[in-house]
Amino acid sequence: MNELEKFINQVIHGDALEILKQIPDKSIDLGITSPPYNKKEKHGGWLVDKVRYNGYKDVMSEEEYQSWQVEVLNQLYRVTKEGGSFFYNHKVRYEDGKMIHPLQWLLKTKWNIWQEIIWNRRIAGNIRGWRFWQVEERIYWLVKGKPKELKSKHAKLTSVWDIRPEHGHKEHPAVFPIELPTRIISSILDENDGIVIDPFCGTGTTLVAAKLLGKKYIGVDISKEYVDYAKKRIEMAKEEERRILKELSLYSIELTFKERKARGFWK
């Protein structure tokens, strides 16, 4: 068994940073995650009163939090293959009336920010009137080197993704919908084999999507409860296939970019 094989198709209970340090260089094809947002267990809204995770206190100082995220992202860069991608979901936060933007720490990592995608959740978590209701989050497409060009059927989905928040799996306060990792995995890996990692896997959404799309996966979470839940969810992955297939039905195109140009559609 090589160093990587012991991680393949596993949901690992442990600290993300410590587990990442054990994974060999340039071994991962694609990563997707949404880390804890450092909301300090007090910034809730009408949907969620207080965001509290099992087995983890989301209460770092902002400086410590950003340094931690940079360190995790740099470890992910190390384990990712040349040309590989990592999709990082976060949101713009506000503390003491000031904006805290993910770019503040992403620009300090080794990654190249290839694209900023707007995830339009179409629903606001906080409906006070201090600002226009925030219905979006950001998904940053980070690359190591230069990625392969997307096929037309994927690129046409645009940089604004209208996907409703997850309505199930209430055991976790911040589950993202399975359509989100499905779109990423299908677009980036397409029909190719690959290893997908989620270092903050929670209830295992990314891992279920990877399994149903025929990819290998590695999940890590510091909560034993979430790890156990993710393992059971993966065993029952077939029950979520309908949503995967519905998302994949969006990926159809009659003509490629090259064919459209050849026929003079863009003269």
C-alpha atoms as a PDB file:
ATOM      1  CA  MET A   1       0.000   0.000   0.000  1.00  0.00           C
ATOM      2  CA  ASN A   2       1.409   3.400  -0.958  1.00  0.00           C
ATOM      3  CA  GLU A   3       1.043   6.461   1.270  1.00  0.00           C
ATOM      4  CA  LEU A   4      -2.043   7.701  -0.545  1.00  0.00           C
ATOM      5  CA  GLU A   5      -4.091   4.503  -0.687  1.00  0.00           C
ATOM      6  CA  LYS A   6      -4.937   4.525   3.022  1.00  0.00           C
ATOM      7  CA  PHE A   7      -6.812   7.822   2.537  1.00  0.00           C
ATOM      8  CA  ILE A   8      -8.789   6.865  -0.582  1.00  0.00           C
ATOM      9  CA  ASN A   9     -12.584   6.585  -0.134  1.00  0.00           C
ATOM     10  CA  GLN A  10     -12.256   7.273   3.588  1.00  0.00           C
ATOM     11  CA  VAL A  11     -13.970   9.724   5.928  1.00  0.00           C
ATOM     12  CA  ILE A  12     -11.289  10.558   8.472  1.00  0.00           C
ATOM     13  CA  HIS A  13     -11.898  11.844  11.981  1.00  0.00           C
ATOM     14  CA  GLY A  14      -9.217  14.407  12.764  1.00  0.00           C
ATOM     15  CA  ASP A  15      -7.868  17.925  12.455  1.00  0.00           C
ATOM     16  CA  ALA A  16      -7.829  19.041   8.817  1.00  0.00           C
ATOM     17  CA  LEU A  17      -4.363  20.562   8.963  1.00  0.00           C
ATOM     18  CA  GLU A  18      -2.762  17.545  10.634  1.00  0.00           C
ATOM     19  CA  ILE A  19      -4.369  15.066   8.238  1.00  0.00           C
ATOM     20  CA  LEU A  20      -3.401  17.133   5.185  1.00  0.00           C
ATOM     21  CA  LYS A  21       0.239  17.061   6.290  1.00  0.00           C
ATOM     22  CA  GLN A  22       0.161  13.266   5.945  1.00  0.00           C
ATOM     23  CA  ILE A  23      -1.059  13.256   2.324  1.00  0.00           C
ATOM     24  CA  PRO A  24       1.641  12.998  -0.372  1.00  0.00           C
ATOM     25  CA  ASP A  25       2.556  15.922  -2.635  1.00  0.00           C
ATOM     26  CA  LYS A  26       0.706  16.364  -5.927  1.00  0.00           C
ATOM     27  CA  SER A  27      -1.732  13.510  -5.369  1.00  0.00           C
ATOM     28  CA  ILE A  28      -5.181  15.188  -5.454  1.00  0.00           C
ATOM     29  CA  ASP A  29      -7.080  16.222  -8.597  1.00  0.00           C
ATOM     30  CA  LEU A  30      -9.816  18.405  -7.147  1.00  0.00           C
ATOM     31  CA  GLY A  31     -10.932  19.834  -3.823  1.00  0.00           C
ATOM     32  CA  ILE A  32     -14.152  21.405  -2.597  1.00  0.00           C
ATOM     33  CA  THR A  33     -14.937  22.768   0.836  1.00  0.00           C
ATOM     34  CA  SER A  34     -16.833  25.258   2.922  1.00  0.00           C
ATOM     35  CA  PRO A  35     -14.902  25.844   6.167  1.00  0.00           C
ATOM     36  CA  PRO A  36     -16.340  27.147   9.434  1.00  0.00           C
ATOM     37  CA  TYR A  37     -16.912  30.892   8.925  1.00  0.00           C
ATOM     38  CA  ASN A  38     -15.658  32.060  12.342  1.00  0.00           C
ATOM     39  CA  LYS A  39     -19.044  33.525  13.189  1.00  0.00           C
ATOM     40  CA  LYS A  40     -18.192  33.162  16.881  1.00  0.00           C
ATOM     41  CA  GLU A  41     -21.431  31.299  17.646  1.00  0.00           C
ATOM     42  CA  LYS A  42     -23.338  34.533  17.987  1.00  0.00           C
ATOM     43  CA  HIS A  43     -24.076  35.928  14.529  1.00  0.00           C
ATOM     44  CA  GLY A  44     -27.285  34.210  13.576  1.00  0.00           C
ATOM     45  CA  GLY A  45     -30.425  35.289  11.784  1.00  0.00           C
ATOM     46  CA  TRP A  46     -33.994  34.222  11.336  1.00  0.00           C
ATOM     47  CA  LEU A  47     -32.964  30.917   9.686  1.00  0.00           C
ATOM     48  CA  VAL A  48     -30.315  29.930  12.240  1.00  0.00           C
ATOM     49  CA  ASP A  49     -30.222  31.532  15.673  1.00  0.00           C
ATOM     50  CA  LYS A  50     -26.606  30.608  16.442  1.00  0.00           C
ATOM     51  CA  VAL A  51     -24.266  28.582  14.248  1.00  0.00           C
ATOM     52  CA  ARG A  52     -22.833  25.862  16.463  1.00  0.00           C
ATOM     53  CA  TYR A  53     -20.836  22.869  15.246  1.00  0.00           C
ATOM     54  CA  ASN A  54     -20.509  19.525  16.944  1.00  0.00           C
ATOM     55  CA  GLY A  55     -16.971  19.056  18.288  1.00  0.00           C
ATOM     56  CA  TYR A  56     -15.673  22.477  17.237  1.00  0.00           C
ATOM     57  CA  LYS A  57     -15.867  25.988  18.739  1.00  0.00           C
ATOM     58  CA  ASP A  58     -16.027  28.553  15.928  1.00  0.00           C
ATOM     59  CA  VAL A  59     -14.638  31.368  18.067  1.00  0.00           C
ATOM     60  CA  MET A  60     -11.128  32.304  16.906  1.00  0.00           C
ATOM     61  CA  SER A  61      -9.823  35.827  16.747  1.00  0.00           C
ATOM     62  CA  GLU A  62     -10.080  37.015  13.152  1.00  0.00           C
ATOM     63  CA  GLU A  63      -6.297  37.186  12.786  1.00  0.00           C
ATOM     64  CA  GLU A  64      -5.899  33.619  14.040  1.00  0.00           C
ATOM     65  CA  TYR A  65      -8.730  32.399  11.812  1.00  0.00           C
ATOM     66  CA  GLN A  66      -7.290  33.903   8.656  1.00  0.00           C
ATOM     67  CA  SER A  67      -3.799  32.566   9.422  1.00  0.00           C
ATOM     68  CA  TRP A  68      -5.288  29.105   9.947  1.00  0.00           C
ATOM     69  CA  GLN A  69      -7.160  29.252   6.657  1.00  0.00           C
ATOM     70  CA  VAL A  70      -4.005  30.319   4.798  1.00  0.00           C
ATOM     71  CA  GLU A  71      -2.086  27.400   6.316  1.00  0.00           C
ATOM     72  CA  VAL A  72      -4.819  24.896   5.393  1.00  0.00           C
ATOM     73  CA  LEU A  73      -5.087  26.264   1.854  1.00  0.00           C
ATOM     74  CA  ASN A  74      -1.328  26.092   1.367  1.00  0.00           C
ATOM     75  CA  GLN A  75      -1.307  22.456   2.466  1.00  0.00           C
ATOM     76  CA  LEU A  76      -4.088  21.815  -0.028  1.00  0.00           C
ATOM     77  CA  TYR A  77      -1.962  23.495  -2.697  1.00  0.00           C
ATOM     78  CA  ARG A  78       0.906  21.160  -1.879  1.00  0.00           C
ATOM     79  CA  VAL A  79      -1.196  17.993  -2.187  1.00  0.00           C
ATOM     80  CA  THR A  80      -2.910  19.108  -5.413  1.00  0.00           C
ATOM     81  CA  LYS A  81      -1.553  18.061  -8.798  1.00  0.00           C
ATOM     82  CA  GLU A  82      -0.292  20.609 -11.333  1.00  0.00           C
ATOM     83  CA  GLY A  83      -3.310  21.892 -13.236  1.00  0.00           C
ATOM     84  CA  GLY A  84      -5.569  20.876 -10.345  1.00  0.00           C
ATOM     85  CA  SER A  85      -8.304  22.991  -8.798  1.00  0.00           C
ATOM     86  CA  PHE A  86      -9.771  23.776  -5.416  1.00  0.00           C
ATOM     87  CA  PHE A  87     -13.213  25.333  -4.939  1.00  0.00           C
ATOM     88  CA  TYR A  88     -13.497  27.347  -1.740  1.00  0.00           C
ATOM     89  CA  ASN A  89     -16.956  28.421  -0.560  1.00  0.00           C
ATOM     90  CA  HIS A  90     -17.113  31.317   1.881  1.00  0.00           C
ATOM     91  CA  LYS A  91     -19.187  34.402   2.483  1.00  0.00           C
ATOM     92  CA  VAL A  92     -18.542  38.060   3.095  1.00  0.00           C
ATOM     93  CA  ARG A  93     -18.939  38.727   6.815  1.00  0.00           C
ATOM     94  CA  TYR A  94     -19.371  41.878   8.877  1.00  0.00           C
ATOM     95  CA  GLU A  95     -17.823  42.560  12.272  1.00  0.00           C
ATOM     96  CA  ASP A  96     -18.313  45.821  14.176  1.00  0.00           C
ATOM     97  CA  GLY A  97     -19.768  47.428  11.071  1.00  0.00           C
ATOM     98  CA  LYS A  98     -16.795  46.518   8.854  1.00  0.00           C
ATOM     99  CA  MET A  99     -16.688  44.091   5.940  1.00  0.00           C
ATOM    100  CA  ILE A 100     -14.440  41.028   6.152  1.00  0.00           C
ATOM    101  CA  HIS A 101     -13.910  39.628   2.662  1.00  0.00           C
ATOM    102  CA  PRO A 102     -12.422  36.175   1.857  1.00  0.00           C
ATOM    103  CA  LEU A 103      -9.981  37.816  -0.545  1.00  0.00           C
ATOM    104  CA  GLN A 104      -8.193  39.241   2.499  1.00  0.00           C
ATOM    105  CA  TRP A 105      -6.611  35.837   3.154  1.00  0.00           C
ATOM    106  CA  LEU A 106      -6.963  34.097  -0.213  1.00  0.00           C
ATOM    107  CA  LEU A 107      -4.494  36.572  -1.719  1.00  0.00           C
ATOM    108  CA  LYS A 108      -1.937  35.476   0.904  1.00  0.00           C
ATOM    109  CA  THR A 109      -2.020  31.830  -0.222  1.00  0.00           C
ATOM    110  CA  LYS A 110      -0.029  30.120  -2.984  1.00  0.00           C
ATOM    111  CA  TRP A 111      -3.140  29.604  -5.095  1.00  0.00           C
ATOM    112  CA  ASN A 112      -4.010  31.531  -8.242  1.00  0.00           C
ATOM    113  CA  ILE A 113      -7.594  32.828  -8.045  1.00  0.00           C
ATOM    114  CA  TRP A 114      -8.970  31.737 -11.412  1.00  0.00           C
ATOM    115  CA  GLN A 115     -12.564  32.901 -10.964  1.00  0.00           C
ATOM    116  CA  GLU A 116     -15.025  34.239  -8.418  1.00  0.00           C
ATOM    117  CA  ILE A 117     -18.403  32.528  -8.660  1.00  0.00           C
ATOM    118  CA  ILE A 118     -21.500  34.015  -7.056  1.00  0.00           C
ATOM    119  CA  TRP A 119     -23.690  31.432  -5.369  1.00  0.00           C
ATOM    120  CA  ASN A 120     -27.153  32.987  -5.387  1.00  0.00           C
ATOM    121  CA  ARG A 121     -28.928  31.197  -2.566  1.00  0.00           C
ATOM    122  CA  ARG A 122     -32.051  33.325  -3.193  1.00  0.00           C
ATOM    123  CA  ILE A 123     -32.796  33.480   0.504  1.00  0.00           C
ATOM    124  CA  ALA A 124     -31.366  35.691   3.249  1.00  0.00           C
ATOM    125  CA  GLY A 125     -30.201  34.365   6.592  1.00  0.00           C
ATOM    126  CA  ASN A 126     -30.638  37.736   8.290  1.00  0.00           C
ATOM    127  CA  ILE A 127     -33.534  40.019   7.338  1.00  0.00           C
ATOM    128  CA  ARG A 128     -32.667  43.126   9.353  1.00  0.00           C
ATOM    129  CA  GLY A 129     -32.448  46.378   7.437  1.00  0.00           C
ATOM    130  CA  TRP A 130     -28.856  47.405   8.148  1.00  0.00           C
ATOM    131  CA  ARG A 131     -27.902  46.380   4.611  1.00  0.00           C
ATOM    132  CA  PHE A 132     -29.626  45.016   1.535  1.00  0.00           C
ATOM    133  CA  TRP A 133     -30.397  41.400   2.355  1.00  0.00           C
ATOM    134  CA  GLN A 134     -27.380  39.214   1.676  1.00  0.00           C
ATOM    135  CA  VAL A 135     -28.565  36.273  -0.429  1.00  0.00           C
ATOM    136  CA  GLU A 136     -25.239  35.296  -1.980  1.00  0.00           C
ATOM    137  CA  GLU A 137     -22.045  33.544  -1.000  1.00  0.00           C
ATOM    138  CA  ARG A 138     -18.767  33.319  -2.899  1.00  0.00           C
ATOM    139  CA  ILE A 139     -17.151  30.263  -4.422  1.00  0.00           C
ATOM    140  CA  TYR A 140     -13.530  30.811  -5.408  1.00  0.00           C
ATOM    141  CA  TRP A 141     -12.070  28.648  -8.139  1.00  0.00           C
ATOM    142  CA  LEU A 142      -8.425  28.325  -7.121  1.00  0.00           C
ATOM    143  CA  VAL A 143      -5.919  26.734  -9.480  1.00  0.00           C
ATOM    144  CA  LYS A 144      -2.390  25.336  -9.330  1.00  0.00           C
ATOM    145  CA  GLY A 145      -0.870  26.129 -12.692  1.00  0.00           C
ATOM    146  CA  LYS A 146      -3.374  26.327 -15.541  1.00  0.00           C
ATOM    147  CA  PRO A 147      -6.534  24.179 -15.628  1.00  0.00           C
ATOM    148  CA  LYS A 148      -7.949  22.475 -18.689  1.00  0.00           C
ATOM    149  CA  GLU A 149     -10.514  24.470 -20.644  1.00  0.00           C
ATOM    150  CA  LEU A 150     -14.103  23.708 -19.677  1.00  0.00           C
ATOM    151  CA  LYS A 151     -16.371  22.001 -22.144  1.00  0.00           C
ATOM    152  CA  SER A 152     -19.101  24.241 -23.556  1.00  0.00           C
ATOM    153  CA  LYS A 153     -21.855  22.373 -21.726  1.00  0.00           C
ATOM    154  CA  HIS A 154     -20.250  23.290 -18.410  1.00  0.00           C
ATOM    155  CA  ALA A 155     -19.021  26.812 -19.184  1.00  0.00           C
ATOM    156  CA  LYS A 156     -22.534  27.874 -20.238  1.00  0.00           C
ATOM    157  CA  LEU A 157     -23.705  27.540 -16.629  1.00  0.00           C
ATOM    158  CA  THR A 158     -22.142  31.012 -16.075  1.00  0.00           C
ATOM    159  CA  SER A 159     -20.460  32.490 -13.004  1.00  0.00           C
ATOM    160  CA  VAL A 160     -23.734  33.024 -11.122  1.00  0.00           C
ATOM    161  CA  TRP A 161     -25.176  29.817  -9.704  1.00  0.00           C
ATOM    162  CA  ASP A 162     -28.832  29.904  -8.670  1.00  0.00           C
ATOM    163  CA  ILE A 163     -28.991  26.986  -6.246  1.00  0.00           C
ATOM    164  CA  ARG A 164     -31.295  26.893  -3.246  1.00  0.00           C
ATOM    165  CA  PRO A 165     -29.791  26.093   0.181  1.00  0.00           C
ATOM    166  CA  GLU A 166     -29.933  22.539   1.483  1.00  0.00           C
ATOM    167  CA  HIS A 167     -33.217  21.696   3.198  1.00  0.00           C
ATOM    168  CA  GLY A 168     -32.226  18.367   4.735  1.00  0.00           C
ATOM    169  CA  HIS A 169     -29.467  16.951   6.933  1.00  0.00           C
ATOM    170  CA  LYS A 170     -30.289  19.229   9.858  1.00  0.00           C
ATOM    171  CA  GLU A 171     -27.675  17.515  12.013  1.00  0.00           C
ATOM    172  CA  HIS A 172     -25.217  20.149  10.707  1.00  0.00           C
ATOM    173  CA  PRO A 173     -25.912  23.929  10.790  1.00  0.00           C
ATOM    174  CA  ALA A 174     -24.335  24.760   7.420  1.00  0.00           C
ATOM    175  CA  VAL A 175     -24.796  21.965   4.872  1.00  0.00           C
ATOM    176  CA  PHE A 176     -24.443  22.989   1.257  1.00  0.00           C
ATOM    177  CA  PRO A 177     -26.732  21.448  -1.379  1.00  0.00           C
ATOM    178  CA  ILE A 178     -25.479  18.398  -3.255  1.00  0.00           C
ATOM    179  CA  GLU A 179     -26.033  20.202  -6.559  1.00  0.00           C
ATOM    180  CA  LEU A 180     -23.084  22.463  -5.776  1.00  0.00           C
ATOM    181  CA  PRO A 181     -20.292  19.820  -5.582  1.00  0.00           C
ATOM    182  CA  THR A 182     -22.027  17.904  -8.381  1.00  0.00           C
ATOM    183  CA  ARG A 183     -21.651  20.896 -10.685  1.00  0.00           C
ATOM    184  CA  ILE A 184     -18.004  21.372  -9.739  1.00  0.00           C
ATOM    185  CA  ILE A 185     -16.956  17.730 -10.011  1.00  0.00           C
ATOM    186  CA  SER A 186     -18.797  17.168 -13.275  1.00  0.00           C
ATOM    187  CA  SER A 187     -17.430  20.365 -14.840  1.00  0.00           C
ATOM    188  CA  ILE A 188     -13.805  19.935 -13.796  1.00  0.00           C
ATOM    189  CA  LEU A 189     -13.281  16.172 -14.022  1.00  0.00           C
ATOM    190  CA  ASP A 190     -16.013  15.439 -16.579  1.00  0.00           C
ATOM    191  CA  GLU A 191     -15.694  11.751 -17.542  1.00  0.00           C
ATOM    192  CA  ASN A 192     -12.139  11.422 -16.214  1.00  0.00           C
ATOM    193  CA  ASP A 193     -11.142   9.568 -13.061  1.00  0.00           C
ATOM    194  CA  GLY A 194      -9.917  11.650 -10.145  1.00  0.00           C
ATOM    195  CA  ILE A 195      -9.553  12.051  -6.393  1.00  0.00           C
ATOM    196  CA  VAL A 196     -11.752  14.674  -4.729  1.00  0.00           C
ATOM    197  CA  ILE A 197     -10.941  15.990  -1.249  1.00  0.00           C
ATOM    198  CA  ASP A 198     -13.018  17.913   1.285  1.00  0.00           C
ATOM    199  CA  PRO A 199     -11.013  18.810   4.419  1.00  0.00           C
ATOM    200  CA  PHE A 200     -14.099  20.120   6.273  1.00  0.00           C
ATOM    201  CA  CYS A 201     -16.521  17.516   4.993  1.00  0.00           C
ATOM    202  CA  GLY A 202     -19.268  17.840   7.612  1.00  0.00           C
ATOM    203  CA  THR A 203     -22.139  15.522   6.704  1.00  0.00           C
ATOM    204  CA  GLY A 204     -20.324  14.341   3.567  1.00  0.00           C
ATOM    205  CA  THR A 205     -22.098  16.211   0.748  1.00  0.00           C
ATOM    206  CA  THR A 206     -18.972  16.455  -1.434  1.00  0.00           C
ATOM    207  CA  LEU A 207     -18.157  12.797  -0.818  1.00  0.00           C
ATOM    208  CA  VAL A 208     -21.621  11.570  -1.772  1.00  0.00           C
ATOM    209  CA  ALA A 209     -21.504  13.593  -4.981  1.00  0.00           C
ATOM    210  CA  ALA A 210     -18.050  12.221  -5.804  1.00  0.00           C
ATOM    211  CA  LYS A 211     -19.178   8.626  -5.220  1.00  0.00           C
ATOM    212  CA  LEU A 212     -22.296   8.990  -7.367  1.00  0.00           C
ATOM    213  CA  LEU A 213     -20.209  10.550 -10.145  1.00  0.00           C
ATOM    214  CA  GLY A 214     -17.765   7.641 -10.063  1.00  0.00           C
ATOM    215  CA  LYS A 215     -14.822   9.502  -8.485  1.00  0.00           C
ATOM    216  CA  LYS A 216     -12.611   8.638  -5.532  1.00  0.00           C
ATOM    217  CA  TYR A 217     -12.851  10.823  -2.433  1.00  0.00           C
ATOM    218  CA  ILE A 218     -11.159  11.816   0.806  1.00  0.00           C
ATOM    219  CA  GLY A 219     -13.114  13.479   3.605  1.00  0.00           C
ATOM    220  CA  VAL A 220     -11.873  14.935   6.884  1.00  0.00           C
ATOM    221  CA  ASP A 221     -13.797  16.361   9.813  1.00  0.00           C
ATOM    222  CA  ILE A 222     -12.930  17.119  13.408  1.00  0.00           C
ATOM    223  CA  SER A 223     -16.347  15.977  14.639  1.00  0.00           C
ATOM    224  CA  LYS A 224     -16.763  12.236  15.237  1.00  0.00           C
ATOM    225  CA  GLU A 225     -20.526  12.706  15.007  1.00  0.00           C
ATOM    226  CA  TYR A 226     -20.307  14.264  11.540  1.00  0.00           C
ATOM    227  CA  VAL A 227     -17.834  11.608  10.364  1.00  0.00           C
ATOM    228  CA  ASP A 228     -20.215   8.828  11.452  1.00  0.00           C
ATOM    229  CA  TYR A 229     -23.121  10.611   9.768  1.00  0.00           C
ATOM    230  CA  ALA A 230     -21.138  11.053   6.536  1.00  0.00           C
ATOM    231  CA  LYS A 231     -20.205   7.362   6.464  1.00  0.00           C
ATOM    232  CA  LYS A 232     -23.847   6.318   6.784  1.00  0.00           C
ATOM    233  CA  ARG A 233     -24.862   8.862   4.162  1.00  0.00           C
ATOM    234  CA  ILE A 234     -22.270   7.493   1.715  1.00  0.00           C
ATOM    235  CA  GLU A 235     -23.601   3.952   2.277  1.00  0.00           C
ATOM    236  CA  MET A 236     -27.051   5.228   1.286  1.00  0.00           C
ATOM    237  CA  ALA A 237     -25.814   7.490  -1.511  1.00  0.00           C
ATOM    238  CA  LYS A 238     -28.144   5.918  -4.076  1.00  0.00           C
ATOM    239  CA  GLU A 239     -31.045   7.673  -2.346  1.00  0.00           C
ATOM    240  CA  GLU A 240     -29.630  11.044  -3.465  1.00  0.00           C
ATOM    241  CA  GLU A 241     -29.021  10.054  -7.078  1.00  0.00           C
ATOM    242  CA  ARG A 242     -32.213  11.722  -8.316  1.00  0.00           C
ATOM    243  CA  ARG A 243     -30.890  15.172  -7.409  1.00  0.00           C
ATOM    244  CA  ILE A 244     -27.561  14.402  -9.063  1.00  0.00           C
ATOM    245  CA  LEU A 245     -29.289  13.380 -12.295  1.00  0.00           C
ATOM    246  CA  LYS A 246     -31.505  16.481 -12.254  1.00  0.00           C
ATOM    247  CA  GLU A 247     -28.429  18.701 -11.930  1.00  0.00           C
ATOM    248  CA  LEU A 248     -26.647  16.835 -14.734  1.00  0.00           C
ATOM    249  CA  SER A 249     -29.667  17.332 -17.004  1.00  0.00           C
ATOM    250  CA  LEU A 250     -28.691  21.010 -17.226  1.00  0.00           C
ATOM    251  CA  TYR A 251     -25.503  20.095 -19.065  1.00  0.00           C
ATOM    252  CA  SER A 252     -26.583  19.911 -22.683  1.00  0.00           C
ATOM    253  CA  ILE A 253     -25.546  21.969 -25.661  1.00  0.00           C
ATOM    254  CA  GLU A 254     -26.364  21.642 -29.350  1.00  0.00           C
ATOM    255  CA  LEU A 255     -23.201  23.262 -30.710  1.00  0.00           C
ATOM    256  CA  THR A 256     -19.732  23.824 -29.266  1.00  0.00           C
ATOM    257  CA  PHE A 257     -18.014  27.232 -29.315  1.00  0.00           C
ATOM    258  CA  LYS A 258     -15.892  26.059 -32.252  1.00  0.00           C
ATOM    259  CA  GLU A 259     -18.909  24.847 -34.228  1.00  0.00           C
ATOM    260  CA  ARG A 260     -20.819  28.076 -33.635  1.00  0.00           C
ATOM    261  CA  LYS A 261     -17.861  30.127 -34.863  1.00  0.00           C
ATOM    262  CA  ALA A 262     -17.387  27.894 -37.929  1.00  0.00           C
ATOM    263  CA  ARG A 263     -21.026  28.475 -38.891  1.00  0.00           C
ATOM    264  CA  GLY A 264     -20.607  32.227 -38.642  1.00  0.00           C
ATOM    265  CA  PHE A 265     -22.892  32.762 -35.666  1.00  0.00           C
ATOM    266  CA  TRP A 266     -20.455  35.255 -34.097  1.00  0.00           C
ATOM    267  CA  LYS A 267     -19.405  37.344 -37.104  1.00  0.00           C
END
